[in-house]
PDB file of all heavy atoms in Angstrom:
ATOM      1  N   THR A   1      28.331 -27.805   2.345  1.00  0.00           N
ATOM      2  CA  THR A   1      26.989 -27.956   1.814  1.00  0.00           C
ATOM      3  C   THR A   1      26.831 -27.016   0.585  1.00  0.00           C
ATOM      4  O   THR A   1      27.225 -25.869   0.608  1.00  0.00           O
ATOM      5  CB  THR A   1      25.922 -27.491   2.863  1.00  0.00           C
ATOM      6  OG1 THR A   1      26.142 -28.283   4.030  1.00  0.00           O
ATOM      7  CG2 THR A   1      24.525 -27.708   2.347  1.00  0.00           C
ATOM      8  N   TRP A   2      26.256 -27.588  -0.475  1.00  0.00           N
ATOM      9  CA  TRP A   2      26.021 -26.813  -1.714  1.00  0.00           C
ATOM     10  C   TRP A   2      24.672 -26.120  -1.582  1.00  0.00           C
ATOM     11  O   TRP A   2      23.672 -26.737  -1.144  1.00  0.00           O
ATOM     12  CB  TRP A   2      26.039 -27.727  -2.924  1.00  0.00           C
ATOM     13  CG  TRP A   2      27.394 -28.135  -3.315  1.00  0.00           C
ATOM     14  CD1 TRP A   2      28.021 -29.276  -2.918  1.00  0.00           C
ATOM     15  CD2 TRP A   2      28.326 -27.442  -4.140  1.00  0.00           C
ATOM     16  NE1 TRP A   2      29.302 -29.350  -3.476  1.00  0.00           N
ATOM     17  CE2 TRP A   2      29.517 -28.230  -4.211  1.00  0.00           C
ATOM     18  CE3 TRP A   2      28.288 -26.213  -4.810  1.00  0.00           C
ATOM     19  CZ2 TRP A   2      30.611 -27.803  -4.954  1.00  0.00           C
ATOM     20  CZ3 TRP A   2      29.397 -25.812  -5.564  1.00  0.00           C
ATOM     21  CH2 TRP A   2      30.548 -26.592  -5.606  1.00  0.00           C
ATOM     22  N   GLY A   3      24.613 -24.856  -1.981  1.00  0.00           N
ATOM     23  CA  GLY A   3      23.379 -24.106  -1.989  1.00  0.00           C
ATOM     24  C   GLY A   3      23.276 -23.212  -3.214  1.00  0.00           C
ATOM     25  O   GLY A   3      24.172 -23.236  -4.103  1.00  0.00           O
ATOM     26  N   THR A   4      22.210 -22.427  -3.292  1.00  0.00           N
ATOM     27  CA  THR A   4      21.944 -21.637  -4.481  1.00  0.00           C
ATOM     28  C   THR A   4      21.947 -20.167  -4.157  1.00  0.00           C
ATOM     29  O   THR A   4      22.146 -19.747  -3.035  1.00  0.00           O
ATOM     30  CB  THR A   4      20.583 -22.023  -5.102  1.00  0.00           C
ATOM     31  OG1 THR A   4      19.545 -21.719  -4.135  1.00  0.00           O
ATOM     32  CG2 THR A   4      20.564 -23.530  -5.443  1.00  0.00           C
ATOM     33  N   VAL A   5      21.693 -19.350  -5.208  1.00  0.00           N
ATOM     34  CA  VAL A   5      21.679 -17.903  -5.095  1.00  0.00           C
ATOM     35  C   VAL A   5      20.288 -17.415  -5.527  1.00  0.00           C
ATOM     36  O   VAL A   5      19.767 -17.902  -6.525  1.00  0.00           O
ATOM     37  CB  VAL A   5      22.750 -17.269  -6.033  1.00  0.00           C
ATOM     38  CG1 VAL A   5      22.659 -15.755  -6.019  1.00  0.00           C
ATOM     39  CG2 VAL A   5      24.162 -17.738  -5.600  1.00  0.00           C
ATOM     40  N   CYS A   6      19.712 -16.470  -4.788  1.00  0.00           N
ATOM     41  CA  CYS A   6      18.403 -15.950  -5.111  1.00  0.00           C
ATOM     42  C   CYS A   6      18.528 -14.908  -6.250  1.00  0.00           C
ATOM     43  O   CYS A   6      19.495 -14.217  -6.354  1.00  0.00           O
ATOM     44  CB  CYS A   6      17.794 -15.296  -3.891  1.00  0.00           C
ATOM     45  SG  CYS A   6      16.110 -14.698  -4.199  1.00  0.00           S
ATOM     46  N   ASP A   7      17.484 -14.870  -7.113  1.00  0.00           N
ATOM     47  CA  ASP A   7      17.563 -13.984  -8.291  1.00  0.00           C
ATOM     48  C   ASP A   7      17.178 -12.531  -8.016  1.00  0.00           C
ATOM     49  O   ASP A   7      17.197 -11.709  -8.940  1.00  0.00           O
ATOM     50  CB  ASP A   7      16.747 -14.548  -9.430  1.00  0.00           C
ATOM     51  CG  ASP A   7      15.239 -14.565  -9.129  1.00  0.00           C
ATOM     52  OD1 ASP A   7      14.809 -14.032  -8.108  1.00  0.00           O
ATOM     53  OD2 ASP A   7      14.460 -15.144  -9.966  1.00  0.00           O
ATOM     54  N   ASP A   8      16.886 -12.178  -6.766  1.00  0.00           N
ATOM     55  CA  ASP A   8      16.601 -10.766  -6.436  1.00  0.00           C
ATOM     56  C   ASP A   8      17.845  -9.925  -6.749  1.00  0.00           C
ATOM     57  O   ASP A   8      18.896 -10.147  -6.158  1.00  0.00           O
ATOM     58  CB  ASP A   8      16.206 -10.570  -4.945  1.00  0.00           C
ATOM     59  CG  ASP A   8      14.903 -11.258  -4.633  1.00  0.00           C
ATOM     60  OD1 ASP A   8      14.135 -11.581  -5.582  1.00  0.00           O
ATOM     61  OD2 ASP A   8      14.639 -11.466  -3.423  1.00  0.00           O
ATOM     62  N   GLY A   9      17.700  -8.953  -7.647  1.00  0.00           N
ATOM     63  CA  GLY A   9      18.844  -8.145  -8.016  1.00  0.00           C
ATOM     64  C   GLY A   9      19.896  -8.790  -8.836  1.00  0.00           C
ATOM     65  O   GLY A   9      20.948  -8.198  -9.135  1.00  0.00           O
ATOM     66  N   TRP A  10      19.651 -10.008  -9.307  1.00  0.00           N
ATOM     67  CA  TRP A  10      20.652 -10.739 -10.095  1.00  0.00           C
ATOM     68  C   TRP A  10      20.703 -10.174 -11.499  1.00  0.00           C
ATOM     69  O   TRP A  10      19.668 -10.110 -12.161  1.00  0.00           O
ATOM     70  CB  TRP A  10      20.271 -12.234 -10.116  1.00  0.00           C
ATOM     71  CG  TRP A  10      21.272 -13.109 -10.811  1.00  0.00           C
ATOM     72  CD1 TRP A  10      21.148 -13.680 -12.034  1.00  0.00           C
ATOM     73  CD2 TRP A  10      22.576 -13.524 -10.318  1.00  0.00           C
ATOM     74  NE1 TRP A  10      22.264 -14.437 -12.338  1.00  0.00           N
ATOM     75  CE2 TRP A  10      23.144 -14.353 -11.309  1.00  0.00           C
ATOM     76  CE3 TRP A  10      23.251 -13.249  -9.160  1.00  0.00           C
ATOM     77  CZ2 TRP A  10      24.393 -14.934 -11.141  1.00  0.00           C
ATOM     78  CZ3 TRP A  10      24.499 -13.823  -8.974  1.00  0.00           C
ATOM     79  CH2 TRP A  10      25.073 -14.649  -9.996  1.00  0.00           C
ATOM     80  N   ASP A  11      21.900  -9.817 -11.954  1.00  0.00           N
ATOM     81  CA  ASP A  11      22.012  -9.239 -13.295  1.00  0.00           C
ATOM     82  C   ASP A  11      23.362  -9.582 -13.948  1.00  0.00           C
ATOM     83  O   ASP A  11      24.145 -10.338 -13.364  1.00  0.00           O
ATOM     84  CB  ASP A  11      21.791  -7.704 -13.257  1.00  0.00           C
ATOM     85  CG  ASP A  11      22.760  -7.007 -12.276  1.00  0.00           C
ATOM     86  OD1 ASP A  11      23.746  -7.651 -11.853  1.00  0.00           O
ATOM     87  OD2 ASP A  11      22.502  -5.867 -11.917  1.00  0.00           O
ATOM     88  N   ILE A  12      23.579  -9.009 -15.086  1.00  0.00           N
ATOM     89  CA  ILE A  12      24.785  -9.342 -15.907  1.00  0.00           C
ATOM     90  C   ILE A  12      26.088  -9.076 -15.125  1.00  0.00           C
ATOM     91  O   ILE A  12      27.019  -9.932 -15.137  1.00  0.00           O
ATOM     92  CB  ILE A  12      24.794  -8.610 -17.275  1.00  0.00           C
ATOM     93  CG1 ILE A  12      23.723  -9.231 -18.196  1.00  0.00           C
ATOM     94  CG2 ILE A  12      26.177  -8.652 -17.932  1.00  0.00           C
ATOM     95  CD1 ILE A  12      24.094 -10.596 -18.840  1.00  0.00           C
ATOM     96  N   PRO A  13      26.275  -7.967 -14.427  1.00  0.00           N
ATOM     97  CA  PRO A  13      27.533  -7.786 -13.642  1.00  0.00           C
ATOM     98  C   PRO A  13      27.781  -8.897 -12.646  1.00  0.00           C
ATOM     99  O   PRO A  13      28.926  -9.325 -12.409  1.00  0.00           O
ATOM    100  CB  PRO A  13      27.350  -6.416 -12.977  1.00  0.00           C
ATOM    101  CG  PRO A  13      26.391  -5.698 -13.836  1.00  0.00           C
ATOM    102  CD  PRO A  13      25.443  -6.750 -14.367  1.00  0.00           C
ATOM    103  N   ASP A  14      26.707  -9.406 -12.033  1.00  0.00           N
ATOM    104  CA  ASP A  14      26.887 -10.535 -11.073  1.00  0.00           C
ATOM    105  C   ASP A  14      27.236 -11.778 -11.791  1.00  0.00           C
ATOM    106  O   ASP A  14      28.162 -12.522 -11.393  1.00  0.00           O
ATOM    107  CB  ASP A  14      25.534 -10.736 -10.298  1.00  0.00           C
ATOM    108  CG  ASP A  14      25.040  -9.496  -9.596  1.00  0.00           C
ATOM    109  OD1 ASP A  14      25.906  -8.698  -9.148  1.00  0.00           O
ATOM    110  OD2 ASP A  14      23.806  -9.310  -9.564  1.00  0.00           O
ATOM    111  N   ALA A  15      26.533 -12.059 -12.897  1.00  0.00           N
ATOM    112  CA  ALA A  15      26.818 -13.283 -13.684  1.00  0.00           C
ATOM    113  C   ALA A  15      28.253 -13.224 -14.269  1.00  0.00           C
ATOM    114  O   ALA A  15      28.889 -14.242 -14.413  1.00  0.00           O
ATOM    115  CB  ALA A  15      25.790 -13.444 -14.794  1.00  0.00           C
ATOM    116  N   ASP A  16      28.702 -12.033 -14.646  1.00  0.00           N
ATOM    117  CA  ASP A  16      30.047 -11.844 -15.174  1.00  0.00           C
ATOM    118  C   ASP A  16      31.126 -12.389 -14.198  1.00  0.00           C
ATOM    119  O   ASP A  16      32.086 -13.027 -14.653  1.00  0.00           O
ATOM    120  CB  ASP A  16      30.344 -10.359 -15.396  1.00  0.00           C
ATOM    121  CG  ASP A  16      30.380 -10.035 -16.891  1.00  0.00           C
ATOM    122  OD1 ASP A  16      30.573 -10.932 -17.700  1.00  0.00           O
ATOM    123  OD2 ASP A  16      30.190  -8.833 -17.206  1.00  0.00           O
ATOM    124  N   ILE A  17      30.951 -12.096 -12.912  1.00  0.00           N
ATOM    125  CA  ILE A  17      31.923 -12.576 -11.921  1.00  0.00           C
ATOM    126  C   ILE A  17      31.945 -14.106 -11.915  1.00  0.00           C
ATOM    127  O   ILE A  17      33.014 -14.736 -11.847  1.00  0.00           O
ATOM    128  CB  ILE A  17      31.597 -12.018 -10.520  1.00  0.00           C
ATOM    129  CG1 ILE A  17      31.582 -10.495 -10.527  1.00  0.00           C
ATOM    130  CG2 ILE A  17      32.546 -12.558  -9.463  1.00  0.00           C
ATOM    131  CD1 ILE A  17      32.900  -9.808 -10.838  1.00  0.00           C
ATOM    132  N   VAL A  18      30.765 -14.714 -11.990  1.00  0.00           N
ATOM    133  CA  VAL A  18      30.670 -16.213 -12.021  1.00  0.00           C
ATOM    134  C   VAL A  18      31.402 -16.744 -13.241  1.00  0.00           C
ATOM    135  O   VAL A  18      32.202 -17.681 -13.130  1.00  0.00           O
ATOM    136  CB  VAL A  18      29.195 -16.667 -12.044  1.00  0.00           C
ATOM    137  CG1 VAL A  18      29.070 -18.150 -12.275  1.00  0.00           C
ATOM    138  CG2 VAL A  18      28.511 -16.271 -10.729  1.00  0.00           C
ATOM    139  N   CYS A  19      31.127 -16.177 -14.408  1.00  0.00           N
ATOM    140  CA  CYS A  19      31.762 -16.656 -15.664  1.00  0.00           C
ATOM    141  C   CYS A  19      33.283 -16.524 -15.562  1.00  0.00           C
ATOM    142  O   CYS A  19      34.032 -17.415 -15.938  1.00  0.00           O
ATOM    143  CB  CYS A  19      31.214 -15.935 -16.873  1.00  0.00           C
ATOM    144  SG  CYS A  19      29.485 -16.270 -17.195  1.00  0.00           S
ATOM    145  N   ARG A  20      33.759 -15.383 -15.096  1.00  0.00           N
ATOM    146  CA  ARG A  20      35.163 -15.141 -14.971  1.00  0.00           C
ATOM    147  C   ARG A  20      35.805 -16.143 -14.033  1.00  0.00           C
ATOM    148  O   ARG A  20      36.899 -16.680 -14.270  1.00  0.00           O
ATOM    149  CB  ARG A  20      35.467 -13.714 -14.490  1.00  0.00           C
ATOM    150  CG  ARG A  20      35.324 -12.684 -15.580  1.00  0.00           C
ATOM    151  CD  ARG A  20      36.387 -11.574 -15.450  1.00  0.00           C
ATOM    152  NE  ARG A  20      36.468 -11.020 -14.148  1.00  0.00           N
ATOM    153  CZ  ARG A  20      35.909  -9.875 -13.745  1.00  0.00           C
ATOM    154  NH1 ARG A  20      35.167  -9.198 -14.571  1.00  0.00           N
ATOM    155  NH2 ARG A  20      36.059  -9.400 -12.512  1.00  0.00           N
ATOM    156  N   GLN A  21      35.156 -16.343 -12.879  1.00  0.00           N
ATOM    157  CA  GLN A  21      35.695 -17.252 -11.862  1.00  0.00           C
ATOM    158  C   GLN A  21      35.815 -18.648 -12.400  1.00  0.00           C
ATOM    159  O   GLN A  21      36.749 -19.382 -12.099  1.00  0.00           O
ATOM    160  CB  GLN A  21      34.806 -17.198 -10.612  1.00  0.00           C
ATOM    161  CG  GLN A  21      35.362 -17.885  -9.411  1.00  0.00           C
ATOM    162  CD  GLN A  21      34.452 -17.805  -8.206  1.00  0.00           C
ATOM    163  OE1 GLN A  21      33.632 -16.913  -8.093  1.00  0.00           O
ATOM    164  NE2 GLN A  21      34.575 -18.774  -7.308  1.00  0.00           N
ATOM    165  N   LEU A  22      34.883 -19.092 -13.232  1.00  0.00           N
ATOM    166  CA  LEU A  22      34.873 -20.453 -13.815  1.00  0.00           C
ATOM    167  C   LEU A  22      35.689 -20.537 -15.101  1.00  0.00           C
ATOM    168  O   LEU A  22      35.708 -21.563 -15.752  1.00  0.00           O
ATOM    169  CB  LEU A  22      33.448 -20.916 -14.047  1.00  0.00           C
ATOM    170  CG  LEU A  22      32.621 -21.151 -12.784  1.00  0.00           C
ATOM    171  CD1 LEU A  22      31.174 -21.411 -13.162  1.00  0.00           C
ATOM    172  CD2 LEU A  22      33.156 -22.303 -11.986  1.00  0.00           C
ATOM    173  N   ARG A  23      36.325 -19.391 -15.520  1.00  0.00           N
ATOM    174  CA  ARG A  23      37.047 -19.308 -16.762  1.00  0.00           C
ATOM    175  C   ARG A  23      36.177 -19.683 -17.969  1.00  0.00           C
ATOM    176  O   ARG A  23      36.525 -20.457 -18.854  1.00  0.00           O
ATOM    177  CB  ARG A  23      38.278 -20.225 -16.752  1.00  0.00           C
ATOM    178  CG  ARG A  23      39.273 -19.783 -15.665  1.00  0.00           C
ATOM    179  CD  ARG A  23      40.583 -20.472 -15.793  1.00  0.00           C
ATOM    180  NE  ARG A  23      41.528 -19.935 -14.785  1.00  0.00           N
ATOM    181  CZ  ARG A  23      42.306 -20.677 -14.056  1.00  0.00           C
ATOM    182  NH1 ARG A  23      42.316 -22.019 -14.190  1.00  0.00           N
ATOM    183  NH2 ARG A  23      43.140 -20.168 -13.174  1.00  0.00           N
ATOM    184  N   CYS A  24      34.999 -19.096 -17.943  1.00  0.00           N
ATOM    185  CA  CYS A  24      33.978 -19.323 -18.998  1.00  0.00           C
ATOM    186  C   CYS A  24      33.731 -18.088 -19.824  1.00  0.00           C
ATOM    187  O   CYS A  24      32.683 -17.970 -20.435  1.00  0.00           O
ATOM    188  CB  CYS A  24      32.686 -19.841 -18.380  1.00  0.00           C
ATOM    189  SG  CYS A  24      32.758 -21.587 -17.851  1.00  0.00           S
ATOM    190  N   GLY A  25      34.684 -17.158 -19.810  1.00  0.00           N
ATOM    191  CA  GLY A  25      34.492 -15.943 -20.609  1.00  0.00           C
ATOM    192  C   GLY A  25      33.671 -14.918 -19.814  1.00  0.00           C
ATOM    193  O   GLY A  25      33.865 -14.731 -18.623  1.00  0.00           O
ATOM    194  N   HIS A  26      32.748 -14.275 -20.514  1.00  0.00           N
ATOM    195  CA  HIS A  26      31.875 -13.269 -19.857  1.00  0.00           C
ATOM    196  C   HIS A  26      30.419 -13.730 -19.955  1.00  0.00           C
ATOM    197  O   HIS A  26      30.096 -14.636 -20.660  1.00  0.00           O
ATOM    198  CB  HIS A  26      32.066 -11.909 -20.570  1.00  0.00           C
ATOM    199  CG  HIS A  26      31.682 -11.934 -22.026  1.00  0.00           C
ATOM    200  ND1 HIS A  26      32.604 -12.229 -23.006  1.00  0.00           N
ATOM    201  CD2 HIS A  26      30.523 -11.749 -22.650  1.00  0.00           C
ATOM    202  CE1 HIS A  26      32.012 -12.192 -24.182  1.00  0.00           C
ATOM    203  NE2 HIS A  26      30.742 -11.897 -23.980  1.00  0.00           N
ATOM    204  N   ALA A  27      29.556 -13.051 -19.203  1.00  0.00           N
ATOM    205  CA  ALA A  27      28.149 -13.456 -19.153  1.00  0.00           C
ATOM    206  C   ALA A  27      27.392 -12.940 -20.389  1.00  0.00           C
ATOM    207  O   ALA A  27      27.560 -11.790 -20.784  1.00  0.00           O
ATOM    208  CB  ALA A  27      27.502 -12.893 -17.898  1.00  0.00           C
ATOM    209  N   VAL A  28      26.610 -13.806 -20.972  1.00  0.00           N
ATOM    210  CA  VAL A  28      25.782 -13.461 -22.100  1.00  0.00           C
ATOM    211  C   VAL A  28      24.371 -13.256 -21.590  1.00  0.00           C
ATOM    212  O   VAL A  28      23.660 -12.340 -22.084  1.00  0.00           O
ATOM    213  CB  VAL A  28      25.770 -14.587 -23.182  1.00  0.00           C
ATOM    214  CG1 VAL A  28      25.070 -14.122 -24.430  1.00  0.00           C
ATOM    215  CG2 VAL A  28      27.168 -15.041 -23.506  1.00  0.00           C
ATOM    216  N   ARG A  29      23.917 -14.028 -20.665  1.00  0.00           N
ATOM    217  CA  ARG A  29      22.587 -13.891 -20.047  1.00  0.00           C
ATOM    218  C   ARG A  29      22.691 -14.199 -18.556  1.00  0.00           C
ATOM    219  O   ARG A  29      23.582 -14.899 -18.135  1.00  0.00           O
ATOM    220  CB  ARG A  29      21.610 -14.874 -20.689  1.00  0.00           C
ATOM    221  CG  ARG A  29      21.340 -14.653 -22.148  1.00  0.00           C
ATOM    222  CD  ARG A  29      19.940 -15.086 -22.579  1.00  0.00           C
ATOM    223  NE  ARG A  29      19.525 -16.396 -22.100  1.00  0.00           N
ATOM    224  CZ  ARG A  29      19.804 -17.559 -22.706  1.00  0.00           C
ATOM    225  NH1 ARG A  29      20.505 -17.560 -23.826  1.00  0.00           N
ATOM    226  NH2 ARG A  29      19.366 -18.702 -22.197  1.00  0.00           N
ATOM    227  N   ALA A  30      21.730 -13.623 -17.821  1.00  0.00           N
ATOM    228  CA  ALA A  30      21.653 -13.851 -16.364  1.00  0.00           C
ATOM    229  C   ALA A  30      20.219 -14.237 -15.988  1.00  0.00           C
ATOM    230  O   ALA A  30      19.538 -13.448 -15.316  1.00  0.00           O
ATOM    231  CB  ALA A  30      22.161 -12.634 -15.622  1.00  0.00           C
ATOM    232  N   PRO A  31      19.719 -15.415 -16.445  1.00  0.00           N
ATOM    233  CA  PRO A  31      18.339 -15.750 -16.179  1.00  0.00           C
ATOM    234  C   PRO A  31      18.056 -16.030 -14.697  1.00  0.00           C
ATOM    235  O   PRO A  31      18.888 -16.632 -14.003  1.00  0.00           O
ATOM    236  CB  PRO A  31      18.113 -16.988 -17.052  1.00  0.00           C
ATOM    237  CG  PRO A  31      19.471 -17.590 -17.197  1.00  0.00           C
ATOM    238  CD  PRO A  31      20.464 -16.469 -17.166  1.00  0.00           C
ATOM    239  N   GLY A  32      16.916 -15.635 -14.232  1.00  0.00           N
ATOM    240  CA  GLY A  32      16.442 -15.986 -12.904  1.00  0.00           C
ATOM    241  C   GLY A  32      15.311 -16.967 -13.005  1.00  0.00           C
ATOM    242  O   GLY A  32      15.146 -17.651 -14.032  1.00  0.00           O
ATOM    243  N   GLY A  33      14.470 -17.033 -11.977  1.00  0.00           N
ATOM    244  CA  GLY A  33      13.250 -17.856 -12.027  1.00  0.00           C
ATOM    245  C   GLY A  33      13.543 -19.325 -12.215  1.00  0.00           C
ATOM    246  O   GLY A  33      12.730 -20.020 -12.833  1.00  0.00           O
ATOM    247  N   ALA A  34      14.676 -19.829 -11.681  1.00  0.00           N
ATOM    248  CA  ALA A  34      15.004 -21.240 -11.787  1.00  0.00           C
ATOM    249  C   ALA A  34      14.976 -21.763 -13.210  1.00  0.00           C
ATOM    250  O   ALA A  34      14.397 -22.809 -13.500  1.00  0.00           O
ATOM    251  CB  ALA A  34      14.141 -22.095 -10.856  1.00  0.00           C
ATOM    252  N   ALA A  35      15.548 -20.957 -14.116  1.00  0.00           N
ATOM    253  CA  ALA A  35      15.564 -21.320 -15.527  1.00  0.00           C
ATOM    254  C   ALA A  35      16.221 -22.676 -15.809  1.00  0.00           C
ATOM    255  O   ALA A  35      15.924 -23.348 -16.794  1.00  0.00           O
ATOM    256  CB  ALA A  35      16.269 -20.217 -16.339  1.00  0.00           C
ATOM    257  N   PHE A  36      17.121 -23.092 -14.941  1.00  0.00           N
ATOM    258  CA  PHE A  36      17.835 -24.360 -15.099  1.00  0.00           C
ATOM    259  C   PHE A  36      17.375 -25.379 -14.080  1.00  0.00           C
ATOM    260  O   PHE A  36      18.101 -26.296 -13.693  1.00  0.00           O
ATOM    261  CB  PHE A  36      19.359 -24.136 -15.028  1.00  0.00           C
ATOM    262  CG  PHE A  36      19.882 -23.289 -16.132  1.00  0.00           C
ATOM    263  CD1 PHE A  36      20.193 -21.969 -15.870  1.00  0.00           C
ATOM    264  CD2 PHE A  36      20.042 -23.830 -17.395  1.00  0.00           C
ATOM    265  CE1 PHE A  36      20.654 -21.136 -16.909  1.00  0.00           C
ATOM    266  CE2 PHE A  36      20.518 -22.994 -18.397  1.00  0.00           C
ATOM    267  CZ  PHE A  36      20.832 -21.682 -18.202  1.00  0.00           C
ATOM    268  N   GLY A  37      16.118 -25.218 -13.613  1.00  0.00           N
ATOM    269  CA  GLY A  37      15.589 -26.143 -12.586  1.00  0.00           C
ATOM    270  C   GLY A  37      15.800 -25.631 -11.201  1.00  0.00           C
ATOM    271  O   GLY A  37      16.660 -24.777 -10.948  1.00  0.00           O
ATOM    272  N   ARG A  38      15.057 -26.133 -10.252  1.00  0.00           N
ATOM    273  CA  ARG A  38      15.160 -25.706  -8.875  1.00  0.00           C
ATOM    274  C   ARG A  38      16.301 -26.477  -8.173  1.00  0.00           C
ATOM    275  O   ARG A  38      16.361 -27.687  -8.340  1.00  0.00           O
ATOM    276  CB  ARG A  38      13.857 -25.943  -8.129  1.00  0.00           C
ATOM    277  CG  ARG A  38      12.701 -25.129  -8.694  1.00  0.00           C
ATOM    278  CD  ARG A  38      11.446 -25.349  -7.883  1.00  0.00           C
ATOM    279  NE  ARG A  38      10.327 -24.615  -8.508  1.00  0.00           N
ATOM    280  CZ  ARG A  38       9.199 -24.362  -7.895  1.00  0.00           C
ATOM    281  NH1 ARG A  38       8.988 -24.739  -6.655  1.00  0.00           N
ATOM    282  NH2 ARG A  38       8.220 -23.693  -8.549  1.00  0.00           N
ATOM    283  N   GLY A  39      17.082 -25.765  -7.437  1.00  0.00           N
ATOM    284  CA  GLY A  39      18.161 -26.403  -6.712  1.00  0.00           C
ATOM    285  C   GLY A  39      17.670 -26.967  -5.364  1.00  0.00           C
ATOM    286  O   GLY A  39      16.493 -26.961  -5.078  1.00  0.00           O
ATOM    287  N   HIS A  40      18.612 -27.434  -4.597  1.00  0.00           N
ATOM    288  CA  HIS A  40      18.317 -27.978  -3.288  1.00  0.00           C
ATOM    289  C   HIS A  40      19.245 -27.326  -2.248  1.00  0.00           C
ATOM    290  O   HIS A  40      20.187 -26.639  -2.614  1.00  0.00           O
ATOM    291  CB  HIS A  40      18.536 -29.505  -3.258  1.00  0.00           C
ATOM    292  CG  HIS A  40      17.758 -30.200  -4.310  1.00  0.00           C
ATOM    293  ND1 HIS A  40      16.405 -30.496  -4.193  1.00  0.00           N
ATOM    294  CD2 HIS A  40      18.131 -30.667  -5.541  1.00  0.00           C
ATOM    295  CE1 HIS A  40      15.986 -31.115  -5.300  1.00  0.00           C
ATOM    296  NE2 HIS A  40      17.012 -31.187  -6.142  1.00  0.00           N
ATOM    297  N   GLY A  41      18.974 -27.565  -0.991  1.00  0.00           N
ATOM    298  CA  GLY A  41      19.849 -27.062   0.042  1.00  0.00           C
ATOM    299  C   GLY A  41      19.534 -25.578   0.367  1.00  0.00           C
ATOM    300  O   GLY A  41      18.569 -25.012  -0.097  1.00  0.00           O
ATOM    301  N   PRO A  42      20.427 -24.962   1.129  1.00  0.00           N
ATOM    302  CA  PRO A  42      20.194 -23.622   1.542  1.00  0.00           C
ATOM    303  C   PRO A  42      20.338 -22.609   0.401  1.00  0.00           C
ATOM    304  O   PRO A  42      21.006 -22.861  -0.605  1.00  0.00           O
ATOM    305  CB  PRO A  42      21.291 -23.377   2.607  1.00  0.00           C
ATOM    306  CG  PRO A  42      22.361 -24.303   2.214  1.00  0.00           C
ATOM    307  CD  PRO A  42      21.716 -25.519   1.640  1.00  0.00           C
ATOM    308  N   ILE A  43      19.661 -21.443   0.560  1.00  0.00           N
ATOM    309  CA  ILE A  43      19.887 -20.317  -0.367  1.00  0.00           C
ATOM    310  C   ILE A  43      20.914 -19.412   0.285  1.00  0.00           C
ATOM    311  O   ILE A  43      20.661 -18.844   1.344  1.00  0.00           O
ATOM    312  CB  ILE A  43      18.517 -19.604  -0.633  1.00  0.00           C
ATOM    313  CG1 ILE A  43      17.617 -20.550  -1.411  1.00  0.00           C
ATOM    314  CG2 ILE A  43      18.761 -18.312  -1.398  1.00  0.00           C
ATOM    315  CD1 ILE A  43      16.169 -20.130  -1.462  1.00  0.00           C
ATOM    316  N   LEU A  44      22.098 -19.393  -0.267  1.00  0.00           N
ATOM    317  CA  LEU A  44      23.269 -18.803   0.388  1.00  0.00           C
ATOM    318  C   LEU A  44      23.478 -17.325   0.138  1.00  0.00           C
ATOM    319  O   LEU A  44      24.263 -16.703   0.844  1.00  0.00           O
ATOM    320  CB  LEU A  44      24.502 -19.581   0.031  1.00  0.00           C
ATOM    321  CG  LEU A  44      24.510 -21.056   0.437  1.00  0.00           C
ATOM    322  CD1 LEU A  44      25.729 -21.774  -0.105  1.00  0.00           C
ATOM    323  CD2 LEU A  44      24.502 -21.160   1.957  1.00  0.00           C
TER     324      LEU A  44
END
C-alpha cells in the first residue's frame, strides 16, 4: 500500500535522503502543507 509522510519536523536533511535515494541529487526545498496536493492511503 502506498502512503504519505507527515510534515511535522520535515526539513532539508530529511528531504536530502529522499533525493539521494531517488538519484535526484540533493534537496533544494522541503515543502510541507501538501504543496503537491493531498495524497491518499495511510500516513506512514
